[in-house]
Amino acid sequence: MPQPSPDESLSSLDSLVLHATDNGVSWITLNRPEAMNAVTWDQRERVIALLAEASADPDVRAVVITATGKGFCAGADLRGGSPDSGERVVGDVARMIRLGAQRLIAAVQDCEKPVLAAVNGTAAGIGAHLALACDLVLAAESARFIEVFARRGLVPDGGGAYLLPRLIGPQRAKELMFFGDALPATDAERLGLVNRVVPDDQLAKTARDWSERLASGPTRALALTKSLINASLDSDRTTAFAAEATAQELNMTTYDANEGVASFVERRKPEFRGR
């Protein structure tokens, strides 16, 4: 059987992970609505690459991750394994998780731009962790978050046991992970997993408003702030204070920091350039 050319494969993948940049915002949209956006190996690699591109592109100043249809992401597509999958030996699963789901979550957390999740529907398994790894989370009223692993006899992966206790504490995290019950968006907001719940038909507009507000901000200062907050969860006070001082030292070399100070002195609104 003839194999697709690289251009044909990329074109097909582009239809499964939609991408557009508008007003400084990189929009990454999972587009397998018939599969509730269960993410394949190729899709995961594409999202990781787009996040890396966003970090490196000075014209991208915020990122939105969302999806089409009724599902945000139903987890990993268990029927779509890695292209080089074969006979399993000891160590394969751990390697697959390190190089797969964990790389995806790390790519979100390590992205040098603010990343906003616009959760349009069910976020299950790695799909829930993809949303919760983002810096800000908007959810449609119909959205649900499900830790499905225990239902399948599995240990949570994709950073779930790292993310959830830091967001809602160990007891709440264990409740969600032990029982695997669906958590409605309003309850997720109450627990602190979601920043805001909005009507379904307002999700895209709210995501655009929030992301464009982020994109008009001091991009490098936001990147350093993101790094400080993420690192603080695993740091002692001395380490965190030292990192904060270093971050401010670096930040004061940017145009935006100097513009922010100048605008304060001149009593005017700052005009940040993301540089």
C-alpha atoms as a PDB file:
ATOM      1  CA  MET A   1       0.000   0.000   0.000  1.00  0.00           C
ATOM      2  CA  PRO A   2       1.486   3.401  -0.939  1.00  0.00           C
ATOM      3  CA  GLN A   3       2.399   5.610   2.004  1.00  0.00           C
ATOM      4  CA  PRO A   4       1.262   9.255   2.181  1.00  0.00           C
ATOM      5  CA  SER A   5       3.886  11.846   1.393  1.00  0.00           C
ATOM      6  CA  PRO A   6       5.147  14.064   4.250  1.00  0.00           C
ATOM      7  CA  ASP A   7       3.124  16.965   2.847  1.00  0.00           C
ATOM      8  CA  GLU A   8      -0.037  14.841   2.747  1.00  0.00           C
ATOM      9  CA  SER A   9       0.537  13.612   6.316  1.00  0.00           C
ATOM     10  CA  LEU A  10       1.054  17.150   7.577  1.00  0.00           C
ATOM     11  CA  SER A  11      -2.056  18.335   5.753  1.00  0.00           C
ATOM     12  CA  SER A  12      -4.088  15.557   7.365  1.00  0.00           C
ATOM     13  CA  LEU A  13      -2.651  16.368  10.786  1.00  0.00           C
ATOM     14  CA  ASP A  14      -3.387  20.062  10.278  1.00  0.00           C
ATOM     15  CA  SER A  15      -7.061  19.145   9.929  1.00  0.00           C
ATOM     16  CA  LEU A  16      -6.944  17.249  13.251  1.00  0.00           C
ATOM     17  CA  VAL A  17      -5.167  20.028  15.134  1.00  0.00           C
ATOM     18  CA  LEU A  18      -6.364  23.362  13.821  1.00  0.00           C
ATOM     19  CA  HIS A  19      -4.041  26.317  14.296  1.00  0.00           C
ATOM     20  CA  ALA A  20      -4.357  30.039  13.733  1.00  0.00           C
ATOM     21  CA  THR A  21      -2.702  33.147  15.146  1.00  0.00           C
ATOM     22  CA  ASP A  22      -4.826  36.236  15.631  1.00  0.00           C
ATOM     23  CA  ASN A  23      -4.052  39.461  17.522  1.00  0.00           C
ATOM     24  CA  GLY A  24      -1.002  37.902  19.115  1.00  0.00           C
ATOM     25  CA  VAL A  25      -2.895  34.782  20.257  1.00  0.00           C
ATOM     26  CA  SER A  26      -2.010  31.284  19.078  1.00  0.00           C
ATOM     27  CA  TRP A  27      -5.217  29.216  18.891  1.00  0.00           C
ATOM     28  CA  ILE A  28      -4.681  25.438  19.114  1.00  0.00           C
ATOM     29  CA  THR A  29      -7.891  23.497  18.489  1.00  0.00           C
ATOM     30  CA  LEU A  30      -8.268  19.717  18.741  1.00  0.00           C
ATOM     31  CA  ASN A  31     -10.521  18.645  15.888  1.00  0.00           C
ATOM     32  CA  ARG A  32     -11.657  15.027  16.169  1.00  0.00           C
ATOM     33  CA  PRO A  33     -15.207  15.666  17.381  1.00  0.00           C
ATOM     34  CA  GLU A  34     -16.366  12.192  16.294  1.00  0.00           C
ATOM     35  CA  ALA A  35     -13.896  10.721  18.836  1.00  0.00           C
ATOM     36  CA  MET A  36     -14.626  13.340  21.531  1.00  0.00           C
ATOM     37  CA  ASN A  37     -11.141  14.617  20.690  1.00  0.00           C
ATOM     38  CA  ALA A  38      -9.344  11.636  22.169  1.00  0.00           C
ATOM     39  CA  VAL A  39      -5.776  12.605  21.353  1.00  0.00           C
ATOM     40  CA  THR A  40      -3.592  10.470  19.084  1.00  0.00           C
ATOM     41  CA  TRP A  41       0.198  10.200  19.128  1.00  0.00           C
ATOM     42  CA  ASP A  42       0.474  12.491  16.085  1.00  0.00           C
ATOM     43  CA  GLN A  43      -1.893  15.079  17.544  1.00  0.00           C
ATOM     44  CA  ARG A  44       0.039  15.153  20.801  1.00  0.00           C
ATOM     45  CA  GLU A  45       3.310  15.758  18.954  1.00  0.00           C
ATOM     46  CA  ARG A  46       1.681  18.527  16.931  1.00  0.00           C
ATOM     47  CA  VAL A  47       0.400  20.307  20.060  1.00  0.00           C
ATOM     48  CA  ILE A  48       3.834  20.031  21.697  1.00  0.00           C
ATOM     49  CA  ALA A  49       5.445  21.521  18.578  1.00  0.00           C
ATOM     50  CA  LEU A  50       2.934  24.386  18.436  1.00  0.00           C
ATOM     51  CA  LEU A  51       3.582  25.243  22.082  1.00  0.00           C
ATOM     52  CA  ALA A  52       7.328  25.298  21.418  1.00  0.00           C
ATOM     53  CA  GLU A  53       6.743  27.558  18.414  1.00  0.00           C
ATOM     54  CA  ALA A  54       4.648  29.888  20.571  1.00  0.00           C
ATOM     55  CA  SER A  55       7.488  30.173  23.077  1.00  0.00           C
ATOM     56  CA  ALA A  56       9.983  31.073  20.368  1.00  0.00           C
ATOM     57  CA  ASP A  57       7.805  33.501  18.399  1.00  0.00           C
ATOM     58  CA  PRO A  58       7.936  37.054  19.816  1.00  0.00           C
ATOM     59  CA  ASP A  59       4.751  37.915  17.928  1.00  0.00           C
ATOM     60  CA  VAL A  60       2.799  35.244  19.857  1.00  0.00           C
ATOM     61  CA  ARG A  61       1.927  36.592  23.280  1.00  0.00           C
ATOM     62  CA  ALA A  62      -0.713  34.131  24.536  1.00  0.00           C
ATOM     63  CA  VAL A  63      -2.020  30.662  23.682  1.00  0.00           C
ATOM     64  CA  VAL A  64      -5.512  29.162  23.781  1.00  0.00           C
ATOM     65  CA  ILE A  65      -6.112  25.408  23.780  1.00  0.00           C
ATOM     66  CA  THR A  66      -9.661  24.369  22.929  1.00  0.00           C
ATOM     67  CA  ALA A  67     -11.569  21.818  20.845  1.00  0.00           C
ATOM     68  CA  THR A  68     -14.493  21.325  18.500  1.00  0.00           C
ATOM     69  CA  GLY A  69     -17.700  19.395  19.161  1.00  0.00           C
ATOM     70  CA  LYS A  70     -19.025  18.220  22.523  1.00  0.00           C
ATOM     71  CA  GLY A  71     -15.748  17.018  23.981  1.00  0.00           C
ATOM     72  CA  PHE A  72     -12.623  18.932  24.962  1.00  0.00           C
ATOM     73  CA  CYS A  73     -10.520  15.781  25.086  1.00  0.00           C
ATOM     74  CA  ALA A  74     -11.650  12.290  26.095  1.00  0.00           C
ATOM     75  CA  GLY A  75      -8.104  11.279  26.978  1.00  0.00           C
ATOM     76  CA  ALA A  76      -5.514   9.349  25.030  1.00  0.00           C
ATOM     77  CA  ASP A  77      -6.669   7.412  21.988  1.00  0.00           C
ATOM     78  CA  LEU A  78      -5.823   3.908  23.233  1.00  0.00           C
ATOM     79  CA  ARG A  79      -6.355   2.508  19.732  1.00  0.00           C
ATOM     80  CA  GLY A  80      -3.840   4.860  18.152  1.00  0.00           C
ATOM     81  CA  GLY A  81      -0.477   3.856  19.555  1.00  0.00           C
ATOM     82  CA  SER A  82       2.972   5.178  18.772  1.00  0.00           C
ATOM     83  CA  PRO A  83       4.054   4.529  15.177  1.00  0.00           C
ATOM     84  CA  ASP A  84       6.892   2.251  16.352  1.00  0.00           C
ATOM     85  CA  SER A  85       4.835   0.277  18.871  1.00  0.00           C
ATOM     86  CA  GLY A  86       5.526  -3.454  18.847  1.00  0.00           C
ATOM     87  CA  GLU A  87       6.015  -6.269  21.335  1.00  0.00           C
ATOM     88  CA  ARG A  88       5.931  -4.803  24.842  1.00  0.00           C
ATOM     89  CA  VAL A  89       8.827  -5.392  27.227  1.00  0.00           C
ATOM     90  CA  VAL A  90       9.470  -4.144  30.760  1.00  0.00           C
ATOM     91  CA  GLY A  91      10.171  -0.421  30.656  1.00  0.00           C
ATOM     92  CA  ASP A  92       8.095   0.314  27.560  1.00  0.00           C
ATOM     93  CA  VAL A  93       5.099   1.714  29.455  1.00  0.00           C
ATOM     94  CA  ALA A  94       7.185   4.002  31.670  1.00  0.00           C
ATOM     95  CA  ARG A  95       9.085   5.236  28.615  1.00  0.00           C
ATOM     96  CA  MET A  96       5.856   5.791  26.680  1.00  0.00           C
ATOM     97  CA  ILE A  97       4.433   7.892  29.519  1.00  0.00           C
ATOM     98  CA  ARG A  98       7.619   9.915  29.976  1.00  0.00           C
ATOM     99  CA  LEU A  99       7.933  10.659  26.269  1.00  0.00           C
ATOM    100  CA  GLY A 100       4.202  11.019  25.679  1.00  0.00           C
ATOM    101  CA  ALA A 101       1.641  12.274  28.180  1.00  0.00           C
ATOM    102  CA  GLN A 102       4.202  13.791  30.518  1.00  0.00           C
ATOM    103  CA  ARG A 103       5.888  15.681  27.664  1.00  0.00           C
ATOM    104  CA  LEU A 104       2.518  17.115  26.665  1.00  0.00           C
ATOM    105  CA  ILE A 105       1.768  18.403  30.170  1.00  0.00           C
ATOM    106  CA  ALA A 106       5.317  19.722  30.567  1.00  0.00           C
ATOM    107  CA  ALA A 107       5.037  21.530  27.229  1.00  0.00           C
ATOM    108  CA  VAL A 108       2.019  23.435  28.544  1.00  0.00           C
ATOM    109  CA  GLN A 109       3.642  24.301  31.851  1.00  0.00           C
ATOM    110  CA  ASP A 110       6.979  25.208  30.259  1.00  0.00           C
ATOM    111  CA  CYS A 111       5.488  27.349  27.487  1.00  0.00           C
ATOM    112  CA  GLU A 112       6.909  30.855  27.820  1.00  0.00           C
ATOM    113  CA  LYS A 113       3.549  32.446  27.081  1.00  0.00           C
ATOM    114  CA  PRO A 114       0.347  32.344  29.178  1.00  0.00           C
ATOM    115  CA  VAL A 115      -1.738  29.329  28.152  1.00  0.00           C
ATOM    116  CA  LEU A 116      -5.529  29.473  28.511  1.00  0.00           C
ATOM    117  CA  ALA A 117      -7.760  26.387  28.320  1.00  0.00           C
ATOM    118  CA  ALA A 118     -11.247  26.913  26.889  1.00  0.00           C
ATOM    119  CA  VAL A 119     -12.944  23.684  27.918  1.00  0.00           C
ATOM    120  CA  ASN A 120     -15.960  23.220  25.669  1.00  0.00           C
ATOM    121  CA  GLY A 121     -17.061  19.770  26.860  1.00  0.00           C
ATOM    122  CA  THR A 122     -15.895  16.594  28.584  1.00  0.00           C
ATOM    123  CA  ALA A 123     -12.253  16.596  29.689  1.00  0.00           C
ATOM    124  CA  ALA A 124     -11.300  13.087  30.783  1.00  0.00           C
ATOM    125  CA  GLY A 125      -8.027  11.457  31.764  1.00  0.00           C
ATOM    126  CA  ILE A 126      -5.114  13.143  30.033  1.00  0.00           C
ATOM    127  CA  GLY A 127      -7.688  15.548  28.586  1.00  0.00           C
ATOM    128  CA  ALA A 128      -8.485  16.788  32.095  1.00  0.00           C
ATOM    129  CA  HIS A 129      -4.794  17.101  32.879  1.00  0.00           C
ATOM    130  CA  LEU A 130      -4.189  19.006  29.634  1.00  0.00           C
ATOM    131  CA  ALA A 131      -6.782  21.571  30.734  1.00  0.00           C
ATOM    132  CA  LEU A 132      -5.620  21.762  34.347  1.00  0.00           C
ATOM    133  CA  ALA A 133      -1.982  22.245  33.344  1.00  0.00           C
ATOM    134  CA  CYS A 134      -2.940  25.526  31.670  1.00  0.00           C
ATOM    135  CA  ASP A 135      -2.378  28.804  33.459  1.00  0.00           C
ATOM    136  CA  LEU A 136      -6.036  29.825  33.304  1.00  0.00           C
ATOM    137  CA  VAL A 137      -9.084  27.611  32.741  1.00  0.00           C
ATOM    138  CA  LEU A 138     -12.424  28.702  31.311  1.00  0.00           C
ATOM    139  CA  ALA A 139     -15.169  26.098  31.127  1.00  0.00           C
ATOM    140  CA  ALA A 140     -18.515  25.953  29.382  1.00  0.00           C
ATOM    141  CA  GLU A 141     -21.448  25.105  31.625  1.00  0.00           C
ATOM    142  CA  SER A 142     -21.748  21.721  29.899  1.00  0.00           C
ATOM    143  CA  ALA A 143     -18.106  20.805  30.549  1.00  0.00           C
ATOM    144  CA  ARG A 144     -17.180  17.936  32.864  1.00  0.00           C
ATOM    145  CA  PHE A 145     -13.861  16.784  34.307  1.00  0.00           C
ATOM    146  CA  ILE A 146     -13.347  13.053  34.833  1.00  0.00           C
ATOM    147  CA  GLU A 147     -10.407  11.181  36.352  1.00  0.00           C
ATOM    148  CA  VAL A 148     -11.183   7.980  34.446  1.00  0.00           C
ATOM    149  CA  PHE A 149      -8.063   6.009  35.342  1.00  0.00           C
ATOM    150  CA  ALA A 150      -9.470   4.079  38.312  1.00  0.00           C
ATOM    151  CA  ARG A 151     -12.444   3.032  36.159  1.00  0.00           C
ATOM    152  CA  ARG A 152      -9.955   1.249  33.876  1.00  0.00           C
ATOM    153  CA  GLY A 153      -7.814  -0.157  36.677  1.00  0.00           C
ATOM    154  CA  LEU A 154      -5.035   2.302  35.891  1.00  0.00           C
ATOM    155  CA  VAL A 155      -2.828   4.690  37.848  1.00  0.00           C
ATOM    156  CA  PRO A 156      -3.346   8.351  36.892  1.00  0.00           C
ATOM    157  CA  ASP A 157      -0.671   9.501  34.477  1.00  0.00           C
ATOM    158  CA  GLY A 158       0.060  12.618  32.497  1.00  0.00           C
ATOM    159  CA  GLY A 159       0.976  14.440  35.695  1.00  0.00           C
ATOM    160  CA  GLY A 160      -2.409  14.046  37.368  1.00  0.00           C
ATOM    161  CA  ALA A 161      -1.108  13.062  40.795  1.00  0.00           C
ATOM    162  CA  TYR A 162       1.239  16.059  40.601  1.00  0.00           C
ATOM    163  CA  LEU A 163      -1.303  18.630  39.377  1.00  0.00           C
ATOM    164  CA  LEU A 164      -4.438  17.906  41.374  1.00  0.00           C
ATOM    165  CA  PRO A 165      -3.044  17.953  44.955  1.00  0.00           C
ATOM    166  CA  ARG A 166      -1.406  21.287  44.202  1.00  0.00           C
ATOM    167  CA  LEU A 167      -4.677  22.708  42.928  1.00  0.00           C
ATOM    168  CA  ILE A 168      -7.195  21.336  45.429  1.00  0.00           C
ATOM    169  CA  GLY A 169      -5.275  19.469  48.137  1.00  0.00           C
ATOM    170  CA  PRO A 170      -4.643  15.739  48.644  1.00  0.00           C
ATOM    171  CA  GLN A 171      -8.041  14.718  50.060  1.00  0.00           C
ATOM    172  CA  ARG A 172     -10.053  16.232  47.215  1.00  0.00           C
ATOM    173  CA  ALA A 173      -7.579  14.864  44.676  1.00  0.00           C
ATOM    174  CA  LYS A 174      -7.934  11.364  46.118  1.00  0.00           C
ATOM    175  CA  GLU A 175     -11.728  11.591  46.029  1.00  0.00           C
ATOM    176  CA  LEU A 176     -11.697  12.468  42.334  1.00  0.00           C
ATOM    177  CA  MET A 177      -9.081   9.861  41.470  1.00  0.00           C
ATOM    178  CA  PHE A 178     -10.373   7.003  43.626  1.00  0.00           C
ATOM    179  CA  PHE A 179     -13.990   7.214  42.464  1.00  0.00           C
ATOM    180  CA  GLY A 180     -13.608   8.578  38.944  1.00  0.00           C
ATOM    181  CA  ASP A 181     -16.921  10.441  39.148  1.00  0.00           C
ATOM    182  CA  ALA A 182     -17.712  13.139  36.608  1.00  0.00           C
ATOM    183  CA  LEU A 183     -17.186  16.612  38.076  1.00  0.00           C
ATOM    184  CA  PRO A 184     -19.512  19.254  36.577  1.00  0.00           C
ATOM    185  CA  ALA A 185     -17.952  22.552  35.584  1.00  0.00           C
ATOM    186  CA  THR A 186     -19.710  24.466  38.368  1.00  0.00           C
ATOM    187  CA  ASP A 187     -18.291  22.087  40.988  1.00  0.00           C
ATOM    188  CA  ALA A 188     -14.854  22.334  39.392  1.00  0.00           C
ATOM    189  CA  GLU A 189     -15.070  26.108  39.740  1.00  0.00           C
ATOM    190  CA  ARG A 190     -16.114  25.787  43.383  1.00  0.00           C
ATOM    191  CA  LEU A 191     -13.096  23.548  44.093  1.00  0.00           C
ATOM    192  CA  GLY A 192     -10.707  25.930  42.369  1.00  0.00           C
ATOM    193  CA  LEU A 193      -9.923  23.806  39.303  1.00  0.00           C
ATOM    194  CA  VAL A 194     -11.591  26.319  36.985  1.00  0.00           C
ATOM    195  CA  ASN A 195     -11.244  30.100  36.946  1.00  0.00           C
ATOM    196  CA  ARG A 196     -14.675  30.751  35.475  1.00  0.00           C
ATOM    197  CA  VAL A 197     -17.706  28.921  34.095  1.00  0.00           C
ATOM    198  CA  VAL A 198     -19.616  30.605  31.277  1.00  0.00           C
ATOM    199  CA  PRO A 199     -22.643  29.708  29.135  1.00  0.00           C
ATOM    200  CA  ASP A 200     -21.673  27.411  26.265  1.00  0.00           C
ATOM    201  CA  ASP A 201     -22.364  30.054  23.641  1.00  0.00           C
ATOM    202  CA  GLN A 202     -20.128  32.560  25.456  1.00  0.00           C
ATOM    203  CA  LEU A 203     -17.040  30.349  25.806  1.00  0.00           C
ATOM    204  CA  ALA A 204     -15.305  31.381  22.577  1.00  0.00           C
ATOM    205  CA  LYS A 205     -15.965  35.076  23.146  1.00  0.00           C
ATOM    206  CA  THR A 206     -14.742  34.944  26.735  1.00  0.00           C
ATOM    207  CA  ALA A 207     -11.643  33.002  25.701  1.00  0.00           C
ATOM    208  CA  ARG A 208     -10.923  35.614  23.037  1.00  0.00           C
ATOM    209  CA  ASP A 209     -11.422  38.476  25.498  1.00  0.00           C
ATOM    210  CA  TRP A 210      -9.166  36.911  28.128  1.00  0.00           C
ATOM    211  CA  SER A 211      -6.454  35.805  25.712  1.00  0.00           C
ATOM    212  CA  GLU A 212      -6.294  39.156  23.929  1.00  0.00           C
ATOM    213  CA  ARG A 213      -6.034  40.876  27.277  1.00  0.00           C
ATOM    214  CA  LEU A 214      -3.095  38.583  28.085  1.00  0.00           C
ATOM    215  CA  ALA A 215      -1.609  39.254  24.652  1.00  0.00           C
ATOM    216  CA  SER A 216      -1.647  43.002  25.283  1.00  0.00           C
ATOM    217  CA  GLY A 217       0.243  42.605  28.550  1.00  0.00           C
ATOM    218  CA  PRO A 218       3.959  42.589  29.435  1.00  0.00           C
ATOM    219  CA  THR A 219       4.731  39.183  27.903  1.00  0.00           C
ATOM    220  CA  ARG A 220       8.171  38.593  29.412  1.00  0.00           C
ATOM    221  CA  ALA A 221       6.990  39.649  32.873  1.00  0.00           C
ATOM    222  CA  LEU A 222       4.071  37.213  32.576  1.00  0.00           C
ATOM    223  CA  ALA A 223       6.431  34.427  31.499  1.00  0.00           C
ATOM    224  CA  LEU A 224       8.686  35.044  34.482  1.00  0.00           C
ATOM    225  CA  THR A 225       5.676  35.254  36.806  1.00  0.00           C
ATOM    226  CA  LYS A 226       4.405  31.922  35.468  1.00  0.00           C
ATOM    227  CA  SER A 227       7.796  30.330  36.066  1.00  0.00           C
ATOM    228  CA  LEU A 228       8.016  31.718  39.609  1.00  0.00           C
ATOM    229  CA  ILE A 229       4.553  30.490  40.588  1.00  0.00           C
ATOM    230  CA  ASN A 230       5.070  27.019  39.128  1.00  0.00           C
ATOM    231  CA  ALA A 231       8.473  26.643  40.791  1.00  0.00           C
ATOM    232  CA  SER A 232       7.241  27.996  44.148  1.00  0.00           C
ATOM    233  CA  LEU A 233       5.086  24.920  44.700  1.00  0.00           C
ATOM    234  CA  ASP A 234       8.242  22.822  45.061  1.00  0.00           C
ATOM    235  CA  SER A 235      10.546  25.442  46.625  1.00  0.00           C
ATOM    236  CA  ASP A 236      11.487  26.588  50.099  1.00  0.00           C
ATOM    237  CA  ARG A 237      11.243  30.276  50.940  1.00  0.00           C
ATOM    238  CA  THR A 238      14.940  31.015  50.465  1.00  0.00           C
ATOM    239  CA  THR A 239      14.980  29.468  46.995  1.00  0.00           C
ATOM    240  CA  ALA A 240      11.729  31.164  46.006  1.00  0.00           C
ATOM    241  CA  PHE A 241      12.914  34.593  47.189  1.00  0.00           C
ATOM    242  CA  ALA A 242      16.215  34.221  45.312  1.00  0.00           C
ATOM    243  CA  ALA A 243      14.371  33.218  42.134  1.00  0.00           C
ATOM    244  CA  GLU A 244      12.027  36.195  42.510  1.00  0.00           C
ATOM    245  CA  ALA A 245      14.921  38.647  42.813  1.00  0.00           C
ATOM    246  CA  THR A 246      16.680  37.157  39.790  1.00  0.00           C
ATOM    247  CA  ALA A 247      13.464  37.258  37.749  1.00  0.00           C
ATOM    248  CA  GLN A 248      12.944  40.939  38.530  1.00  0.00           C
ATOM    249  CA  GLU A 249      16.577  41.665  37.650  1.00  0.00           C
ATOM    250  CA  LEU A 250      16.075  40.016  34.247  1.00  0.00           C
ATOM    251  CA  ASN A 251      12.693  41.635  33.742  1.00  0.00           C
ATOM    252  CA  MET A 252      14.057  45.135  34.273  1.00  0.00           C
ATOM    253  CA  THR A 253      16.119  44.748  31.101  1.00  0.00           C
ATOM    254  CA  THR A 254      12.917  44.537  28.988  1.00  0.00           C
ATOM    255  CA  TYR A 255      11.201  47.331  27.106  1.00  0.00           C
ATOM    256  CA  ASP A 256       7.880  46.582  28.796  1.00  0.00           C
ATOM    257  CA  ALA A 257       9.244  46.969  32.332  1.00  0.00           C
ATOM    258  CA  ASN A 258      10.696  50.359  31.492  1.00  0.00           C
ATOM    259  CA  GLU A 259       7.484  51.347  29.696  1.00  0.00           C
ATOM    260  CA  GLY A 260       5.445  50.299  32.719  1.00  0.00           C
ATOM    261  CA  VAL A 261       7.506  52.443  35.078  1.00  0.00           C
ATOM    262  CA  ALA A 262       7.530  55.392  32.669  1.00  0.00           C
ATOM    263  CA  SER A 263       3.773  55.243  32.160  1.00  0.00           C
ATOM    264  CA  PHE A 264       3.247  55.267  35.932  1.00  0.00           C
ATOM    265  CA  VAL A 265       5.440  58.334  36.345  1.00  0.00           C
ATOM    266  CA  GLU A 266       3.748  60.042  33.389  1.00  0.00           C
ATOM    267  CA  ARG A 267       0.266  59.028  34.566  1.00  0.00           C
ATOM    268  CA  ARG A 268      -0.769  57.341  31.338  1.00  0.00           C
ATOM    269  CA  LYS A 269      -1.767  53.861  30.198  1.00  0.00           C
ATOM    270  CA  PRO A 270       1.227  51.672  29.310  1.00  0.00           C
ATOM    271  CA  GLU A 271       1.651  50.377  25.761  1.00  0.00           C
ATOM    272  CA  PHE A 272       3.382  47.017  26.084  1.00  0.00           C
ATOM    273  CA  ARG A 273       5.145  45.417  23.119  1.00  0.00           C
ATOM    274  CA  GLY A 274       5.838  41.959  24.543  1.00  0.00           C
ATOM    275  CA  ARG A 275       9.570  42.667  24.502  1.00  0.00           C
END
